[in-house]
């Protein structure tokens, strides 16, 4: 994902080769519902996994607030095409 962004390619319509796995346990810090196949392929899966790792390393980080602020202030971004579908904001990691 970093290389796609660094080389000014489109991220919103990409399917990513590396896909996060659904982890077992830790539902209070992860997702109540597993990733859909689409969410695994899209940036949502990678962004959620990176957020989980950042929270595990330093719980007081500001990453989630910055991501949510970016999404809230950028109404022209096609969130659904990035994999942010359904009730993603209600998942424990995004609350």
C-alpha atoms as a PDB file:
ATOM      1  CA  UNK A   1       0.000   0.000   0.000  1.00  0.00           C
ATOM      2  CA  UNK A   2       2.842   2.367   0.812  1.00  0.00           C
ATOM      3  CA  UNK A   3       4.379   1.938  -2.643  1.00  0.00           C
ATOM      4  CA  UNK A   4       1.066   2.556  -4.373  1.00  0.00           C
ATOM      5  CA  UNK A   5       0.685   5.833  -2.503  1.00  0.00           C
ATOM      6  CA  UNK A   6       4.341   6.852  -2.821  1.00  0.00           C
ATOM      7  CA  UNK A   7       4.242   6.451  -6.587  1.00  0.00           C
ATOM      8  CA  UNK A   8       1.014   8.451  -6.919  1.00  0.00           C
ATOM      9  CA  UNK A   9      -1.111   5.551  -8.077  1.00  0.00           C
ATOM     10  CA  UNK A  10      -4.811   5.213  -7.393  1.00  0.00           C
ATOM     11  CA  UNK A  11      -5.536   3.369  -4.190  1.00  0.00           C
ATOM     12  CA  UNK A  12      -9.333   3.437  -4.159  1.00  0.00           C
ATOM     13  CA  UNK A  13      -9.820   0.977  -7.017  1.00  0.00           C
ATOM     14  CA  UNK A  14      -6.980  -1.423  -6.213  1.00  0.00           C
ATOM     15  CA  UNK A  15      -7.151  -4.950  -4.940  1.00  0.00           C
ATOM     16  CA  UNK A  16      -4.140  -5.525  -2.730  1.00  0.00           C
ATOM     17  CA  UNK A  17      -1.983  -8.644  -3.013  1.00  0.00           C
ATOM     18  CA  UNK A  18      -1.228  -8.830   0.722  1.00  0.00           C
ATOM     19  CA  UNK A  19      -4.393  -9.402   2.698  1.00  0.00           C
ATOM     20  CA  UNK A  20      -4.873  -9.352   6.473  1.00  0.00           C
ATOM     21  CA  UNK A  21      -6.266 -12.387   8.244  1.00  0.00           C
ATOM     22  CA  UNK A  22      -9.158 -12.426  10.662  1.00  0.00           C
ATOM     23  CA  UNK A  23      -7.631 -12.896  14.101  1.00  0.00           C
ATOM     24  CA  UNK A  24      -9.159 -15.056  16.789  1.00  0.00           C
ATOM     25  CA  UNK A  25      -9.861 -13.682  20.217  1.00  0.00           C
ATOM     26  CA  UNK A  26      -9.383 -10.039  21.158  1.00  0.00           C
ATOM     27  CA  UNK A  27     -12.833  -9.190  19.783  1.00  0.00           C
ATOM     28  CA  UNK A  28     -12.952  -6.267  22.203  1.00  0.00           C
ATOM     29  CA  UNK A  29      -9.989  -4.711  20.377  1.00  0.00           C
ATOM     30  CA  UNK A  30     -10.594  -6.002  16.847  1.00  0.00           C
ATOM     31  CA  UNK A  31     -13.753  -6.698  14.834  1.00  0.00           C
ATOM     32  CA  UNK A  32     -17.041  -8.255  15.903  1.00  0.00           C
ATOM     33  CA  UNK A  33     -17.623  -9.552  12.384  1.00  0.00           C
ATOM     34  CA  UNK A  34     -14.887 -11.020  10.195  1.00  0.00           C
ATOM     35  CA  UNK A  35     -13.594  -9.174   7.147  1.00  0.00           C
ATOM     36  CA  UNK A  36     -15.593  -9.772   4.004  1.00  0.00           C
ATOM     37  CA  UNK A  37     -13.612 -10.951   0.985  1.00  0.00           C
ATOM     38  CA  UNK A  38     -13.899  -7.446  -0.451  1.00  0.00           C
ATOM     39  CA  UNK A  39     -12.648  -5.806   2.755  1.00  0.00           C
ATOM     40  CA  UNK A  40      -9.620  -8.119   2.833  1.00  0.00           C
ATOM     41  CA  UNK A  41      -8.631  -7.045  -0.680  1.00  0.00           C
ATOM     42  CA  UNK A  42      -9.187  -3.337  -0.157  1.00  0.00           C
ATOM     43  CA  UNK A  43      -7.303  -0.728   1.905  1.00  0.00           C
ATOM     44  CA  UNK A  44      -9.826  -1.049   4.748  1.00  0.00           C
ATOM     45  CA  UNK A  45      -8.324  -4.388   5.759  1.00  0.00           C
ATOM     46  CA  UNK A  46      -4.759  -3.109   5.754  1.00  0.00           C
ATOM     47  CA  UNK A  47      -5.666   0.148   7.516  1.00  0.00           C
ATOM     48  CA  UNK A  48      -7.600  -1.760  10.197  1.00  0.00           C
ATOM     49  CA  UNK A  49      -4.709  -4.185  10.715  1.00  0.00           C
ATOM     50  CA  UNK A  50      -2.217  -1.295  10.976  1.00  0.00           C
ATOM     51  CA  UNK A  51      -4.479   0.416  13.511  1.00  0.00           C
ATOM     52  CA  UNK A  52      -4.619  -2.790  15.565  1.00  0.00           C
ATOM     53  CA  UNK A  53      -0.819  -3.057  15.571  1.00  0.00           C
ATOM     54  CA  UNK A  54      -0.369   0.616  16.465  1.00  0.00           C
ATOM     55  CA  UNK A  55      -2.793   0.169  19.369  1.00  0.00           C
ATOM     56  CA  UNK A  56      -0.902  -2.917  20.547  1.00  0.00           C
ATOM     57  CA  UNK A  57       2.416  -1.050  20.540  1.00  0.00           C
ATOM     58  CA  UNK A  58       1.191   2.236  22.017  1.00  0.00           C
ATOM     59  CA  UNK A  59      -2.401   2.444  23.201  1.00  0.00           C
ATOM     60  CA  UNK A  60      -2.343   6.257  23.505  1.00  0.00           C
ATOM     61  CA  UNK A  61      -1.536   6.854  19.816  1.00  0.00           C
ATOM     62  CA  UNK A  62      -3.563   9.319  17.745  1.00  0.00           C
ATOM     63  CA  UNK A  63      -3.732   7.227  14.562  1.00  0.00           C
ATOM     64  CA  UNK A  64      -7.447   6.383  14.805  1.00  0.00           C
ATOM     65  CA  UNK A  65      -8.402  10.006  15.439  1.00  0.00           C
ATOM     66  CA  UNK A  66      -6.342  11.121  12.432  1.00  0.00           C
ATOM     67  CA  UNK A  67      -7.828   8.468  10.129  1.00  0.00           C
ATOM     68  CA  UNK A  68     -11.375   9.300  11.215  1.00  0.00           C
ATOM     69  CA  UNK A  69     -10.707  13.016  10.815  1.00  0.00           C
ATOM     70  CA  UNK A  70      -9.356  12.450   7.310  1.00  0.00           C
ATOM     71  CA  UNK A  71     -12.398  10.389   6.347  1.00  0.00           C
ATOM     72  CA  UNK A  72     -14.843  12.867   7.900  1.00  0.00           C
ATOM     73  CA  UNK A  73     -13.235  15.878   6.227  1.00  0.00           C
ATOM     74  CA  UNK A  74     -12.831  14.305   2.777  1.00  0.00           C
ATOM     75  CA  UNK A  75     -16.357  13.766   1.529  1.00  0.00           C
ATOM     76  CA  UNK A  76     -15.230  13.212  -2.076  1.00  0.00           C
ATOM     77  CA  UNK A  77     -13.327  10.014  -1.221  1.00  0.00           C
ATOM     78  CA  UNK A  78     -15.205   6.882  -2.411  1.00  0.00           C
ATOM     79  CA  UNK A  79     -15.119   5.071   0.948  1.00  0.00           C
ATOM     80  CA  UNK A  80     -17.065   2.073  -0.275  1.00  0.00           C
ATOM     81  CA  UNK A  81     -14.467   1.399  -2.953  1.00  0.00           C
ATOM     82  CA  UNK A  82     -11.779   1.476  -0.252  1.00  0.00           C
ATOM     83  CA  UNK A  83     -13.618  -1.293   1.599  1.00  0.00           C
ATOM     84  CA  UNK A  84     -15.210   0.917   4.273  1.00  0.00           C
ATOM     85  CA  UNK A  85     -18.642  -0.645   3.881  1.00  0.00           C
ATOM     86  CA  UNK A  86     -21.514  -1.568   6.153  1.00  0.00           C
ATOM     87  CA  UNK A  87     -21.288  -0.598   9.806  1.00  0.00           C
ATOM     88  CA  UNK A  88     -17.512  -0.369   9.979  1.00  0.00           C
ATOM     89  CA  UNK A  89     -17.659   2.515  12.481  1.00  0.00           C
ATOM     90  CA  UNK A  90     -19.507   0.308  14.959  1.00  0.00           C
ATOM     91  CA  UNK A  91     -16.660  -2.226  15.129  1.00  0.00           C
ATOM     92  CA  UNK A  92     -14.751  -2.129  18.457  1.00  0.00           C
ATOM     93  CA  UNK A  93     -11.468  -1.060  16.875  1.00  0.00           C
ATOM     94  CA  UNK A  94     -13.108   2.022  15.317  1.00  0.00           C
ATOM     95  CA  UNK A  95     -15.085   3.140  18.392  1.00  0.00           C
END
